[in-house]
């Protein structure tokens, strides 16, 4: 069974994004989808700026049910190395998993997706 993934970059440098795309492209049962409605899992990268936080919250509020969110990388978890941000400062979001690293390894990304599923 294919796991469908929606990827949201909320202000990252691109390192986690590159690892996500490479990991998914090398794993036959994982697929990136362009619509959040089609996704089983959402992978979120970046510091979650005030603008992207509002946009992400609006997207989630329009979903029939809250998606499974995976915070990928230090930026998404707590805003490091920028000092603040991430889901640590956004208690309105329910995060299924927090994947540490800058960036996390491709193996860890794949494992986190499967665990969150």
C-alpha atoms as a PDB file:
ATOM      1  CA  UNK A   1       0.000   0.000   0.000  1.00  0.00           C
ATOM      2  CA  UNK A   2       1.364   3.406  -0.979  1.00  0.00           C
ATOM      3  CA  UNK A   3       1.723   6.090   1.687  1.00  0.00           C
ATOM      4  CA  UNK A   4       0.820   9.472   0.235  1.00  0.00           C
ATOM      5  CA  UNK A   5       2.738  12.460   1.565  1.00  0.00           C
ATOM      6  CA  UNK A   6       2.041  16.184   1.424  1.00  0.00           C
ATOM      7  CA  UNK A   7       5.147  18.282   2.030  1.00  0.00           C
ATOM      8  CA  UNK A   8       4.880  21.809   3.454  1.00  0.00           C
ATOM      9  CA  UNK A   9       7.955  24.027   3.664  1.00  0.00           C
ATOM     10  CA  UNK A  10       7.258  26.736   6.248  1.00  0.00           C
ATOM     11  CA  UNK A  11      10.579  28.561   5.915  1.00  0.00           C
ATOM     12  CA  UNK A  12      13.478  26.118   5.735  1.00  0.00           C
ATOM     13  CA  UNK A  13      16.933  26.302   4.164  1.00  0.00           C
ATOM     14  CA  UNK A  14      16.040  23.368   1.910  1.00  0.00           C
ATOM     15  CA  UNK A  15      18.293  20.709   3.465  1.00  0.00           C
ATOM     16  CA  UNK A  16      15.439  18.701   4.985  1.00  0.00           C
ATOM     17  CA  UNK A  17      13.403  19.160   1.808  1.00  0.00           C
ATOM     18  CA  UNK A  18      16.192  17.677  -0.322  1.00  0.00           C
ATOM     19  CA  UNK A  19      16.515  14.672   2.006  1.00  0.00           C
ATOM     20  CA  UNK A  20      12.741  14.155   1.969  1.00  0.00           C
ATOM     21  CA  UNK A  21      12.538  14.207  -1.828  1.00  0.00           C
ATOM     22  CA  UNK A  22      15.516  11.890  -2.234  1.00  0.00           C
ATOM     23  CA  UNK A  23      14.227   9.444   0.403  1.00  0.00           C
ATOM     24  CA  UNK A  24      10.758   9.309  -1.135  1.00  0.00           C
ATOM     25  CA  UNK A  25      12.051   8.977  -4.696  1.00  0.00           C
ATOM     26  CA  UNK A  26      14.053   5.896  -3.638  1.00  0.00           C
ATOM     27  CA  UNK A  27      11.211   4.231  -1.727  1.00  0.00           C
ATOM     28  CA  UNK A  28       8.562   2.578  -3.928  1.00  0.00           C
ATOM     29  CA  UNK A  29       5.719   2.647  -1.388  1.00  0.00           C
ATOM     30  CA  UNK A  30       6.018   6.399  -0.700  1.00  0.00           C
ATOM     31  CA  UNK A  31       4.574   9.089  -2.950  1.00  0.00           C
ATOM     32  CA  UNK A  32       4.437  12.893  -2.849  1.00  0.00           C
ATOM     33  CA  UNK A  33       0.990  14.336  -3.572  1.00  0.00           C
ATOM     34  CA  UNK A  34       0.248  17.951  -4.440  1.00  0.00           C
ATOM     35  CA  UNK A  35      -3.086  18.188  -2.663  1.00  0.00           C
ATOM     36  CA  UNK A  36      -3.243  18.054   1.128  1.00  0.00           C
ATOM     37  CA  UNK A  37      -6.626  16.336   0.793  1.00  0.00           C
ATOM     38  CA  UNK A  38      -4.979  13.342  -0.899  1.00  0.00           C
ATOM     39  CA  UNK A  39      -2.304  12.849   1.776  1.00  0.00           C
ATOM     40  CA  UNK A  40      -2.004  10.277   4.524  1.00  0.00           C
ATOM     41  CA  UNK A  41       0.847  12.177   6.215  1.00  0.00           C
ATOM     42  CA  UNK A  42       2.030  15.787   6.152  1.00  0.00           C
ATOM     43  CA  UNK A  43       5.769  16.438   6.436  1.00  0.00           C
ATOM     44  CA  UNK A  44       6.497  19.970   7.635  1.00  0.00           C
ATOM     45  CA  UNK A  45       9.922  21.614   7.358  1.00  0.00           C
ATOM     46  CA  UNK A  46      11.014  25.084   8.399  1.00  0.00           C
ATOM     47  CA  UNK A  47      10.742  27.517  11.286  1.00  0.00           C
ATOM     48  CA  UNK A  48       6.981  28.075  10.964  1.00  0.00           C
ATOM     49  CA  UNK A  49       7.004  31.846  10.482  1.00  0.00           C
ATOM     50  CA  UNK A  50       3.943  33.880  11.476  1.00  0.00           C
ATOM     51  CA  UNK A  51       2.737  33.926   7.860  1.00  0.00           C
ATOM     52  CA  UNK A  52       3.221  30.217   7.229  1.00  0.00           C
ATOM     53  CA  UNK A  53       1.789  29.355  10.653  1.00  0.00           C
ATOM     54  CA  UNK A  54      -1.456  31.137   9.753  1.00  0.00           C
ATOM     55  CA  UNK A  55      -1.546  29.539   6.316  1.00  0.00           C
ATOM     56  CA  UNK A  56      -0.880  26.059   7.698  1.00  0.00           C
ATOM     57  CA  UNK A  57      -3.591  26.503  10.346  1.00  0.00           C
ATOM     58  CA  UNK A  58      -6.071  27.628   7.686  1.00  0.00           C
ATOM     59  CA  UNK A  59      -5.247  24.599   5.507  1.00  0.00           C
ATOM     60  CA  UNK A  60      -5.707  22.234   8.440  1.00  0.00           C
ATOM     61  CA  UNK A  61      -8.996  23.843   9.492  1.00  0.00           C
ATOM     62  CA  UNK A  62     -10.386  23.142   6.018  1.00  0.00           C
ATOM     63  CA  UNK A  63      -9.531  19.447   6.231  1.00  0.00           C
ATOM     64  CA  UNK A  64     -12.282  16.931   7.051  1.00  0.00           C
ATOM     65  CA  UNK A  65     -10.036  15.617   9.847  1.00  0.00           C
ATOM     66  CA  UNK A  66      -6.740  16.775  11.303  1.00  0.00           C
ATOM     67  CA  UNK A  67      -3.849  15.330   9.272  1.00  0.00           C
ATOM     68  CA  UNK A  68      -0.950  13.436  10.825  1.00  0.00           C
ATOM     69  CA  UNK A  69       1.835  16.001  11.042  1.00  0.00           C
ATOM     70  CA  UNK A  70       5.513  15.104  11.167  1.00  0.00           C
ATOM     71  CA  UNK A  71       7.912  17.935  12.077  1.00  0.00           C
ATOM     72  CA  UNK A  72      11.063  17.247  10.059  1.00  0.00           C
ATOM     73  CA  UNK A  73      14.268  18.818  11.334  1.00  0.00           C
ATOM     74  CA  UNK A  74      15.301  21.162  14.115  1.00  0.00           C
ATOM     75  CA  UNK A  75      13.688  24.211  12.469  1.00  0.00           C
ATOM     76  CA  UNK A  76      10.264  22.588  12.437  1.00  0.00           C
ATOM     77  CA  UNK A  77      10.640  21.302  15.992  1.00  0.00           C
ATOM     78  CA  UNK A  78      11.938  24.392  17.784  1.00  0.00           C
ATOM     79  CA  UNK A  79      13.252  26.955  15.304  1.00  0.00           C
ATOM     80  CA  UNK A  80      16.927  26.051  15.754  1.00  0.00           C
ATOM     81  CA  UNK A  81      19.407  27.310  14.688  1.00  0.00           C
ATOM     82  CA  UNK A  82      17.430  30.556  14.458  1.00  0.00           C
ATOM     83  CA  UNK A  83      16.592  30.687  18.158  1.00  0.00           C
ATOM     84  CA  UNK A  84      12.813  30.410  18.197  1.00  0.00           C
ATOM     85  CA  UNK A  85       9.914  29.005  16.265  1.00  0.00           C
ATOM     86  CA  UNK A  86       8.739  25.667  15.043  1.00  0.00           C
ATOM     87  CA  UNK A  87       5.971  23.629  16.577  1.00  0.00           C
ATOM     88  CA  UNK A  88       7.431  24.206  20.066  1.00  0.00           C
ATOM     89  CA  UNK A  89       5.763  27.632  19.906  1.00  0.00           C
ATOM     90  CA  UNK A  90       2.593  26.492  18.152  1.00  0.00           C
ATOM     91  CA  UNK A  91       0.519  24.504  20.632  1.00  0.00           C
ATOM     92  CA  UNK A  92      -2.535  24.686  18.377  1.00  0.00           C
ATOM     93  CA  UNK A  93      -0.989  21.989  16.173  1.00  0.00           C
ATOM     94  CA  UNK A  94      -1.012  18.300  17.056  1.00  0.00           C
ATOM     95  CA  UNK A  95       2.284  16.847  15.880  1.00  0.00           C
ATOM     96  CA  UNK A  96       2.443  13.055  15.542  1.00  0.00           C
ATOM     97  CA  UNK A  97       6.225  12.890  15.367  1.00  0.00           C
ATOM     98  CA  UNK A  98       9.233  15.158  15.737  1.00  0.00           C
ATOM     99  CA  UNK A  99      12.184  14.096  13.641  1.00  0.00           C
ATOM    100  CA  UNK A 100      15.404  15.599  14.984  1.00  0.00           C
ATOM    101  CA  UNK A 101      18.348  16.543  12.791  1.00  0.00           C
ATOM    102  CA  UNK A 102      19.673  19.251  10.508  1.00  0.00           C
ATOM    103  CA  UNK A 103      18.773  17.527   8.270  1.00  0.00           C
ATOM    104  CA  UNK A 104      17.600  14.129   9.502  1.00  0.00           C
ATOM    105  CA  UNK A 105      18.918  11.121   7.621  1.00  0.00           C
ATOM    106  CA  UNK A 106      16.871   9.662   4.801  1.00  0.00           C
ATOM    107  CA  UNK A 107      16.560   6.425   6.770  1.00  0.00           C
ATOM    108  CA  UNK A 108      15.088   8.327   9.726  1.00  0.00           C
ATOM    109  CA  UNK A 109      12.677  10.191   7.437  1.00  0.00           C
ATOM    110  CA  UNK A 110      11.357   6.952   5.960  1.00  0.00           C
ATOM    111  CA  UNK A 111      11.030   5.367   9.413  1.00  0.00           C
ATOM    112  CA  UNK A 112       9.150   8.425  10.740  1.00  0.00           C
ATOM    113  CA  UNK A 113       6.696   8.317   7.838  1.00  0.00           C
ATOM    114  CA  UNK A 114       5.985   4.646   8.399  1.00  0.00           C
ATOM    115  CA  UNK A 115       5.607   5.124  12.169  1.00  0.00           C
ATOM    116  CA  UNK A 116       3.261   8.089  11.758  1.00  0.00           C
ATOM    117  CA  UNK A 117       1.130   6.125   9.304  1.00  0.00           C
END
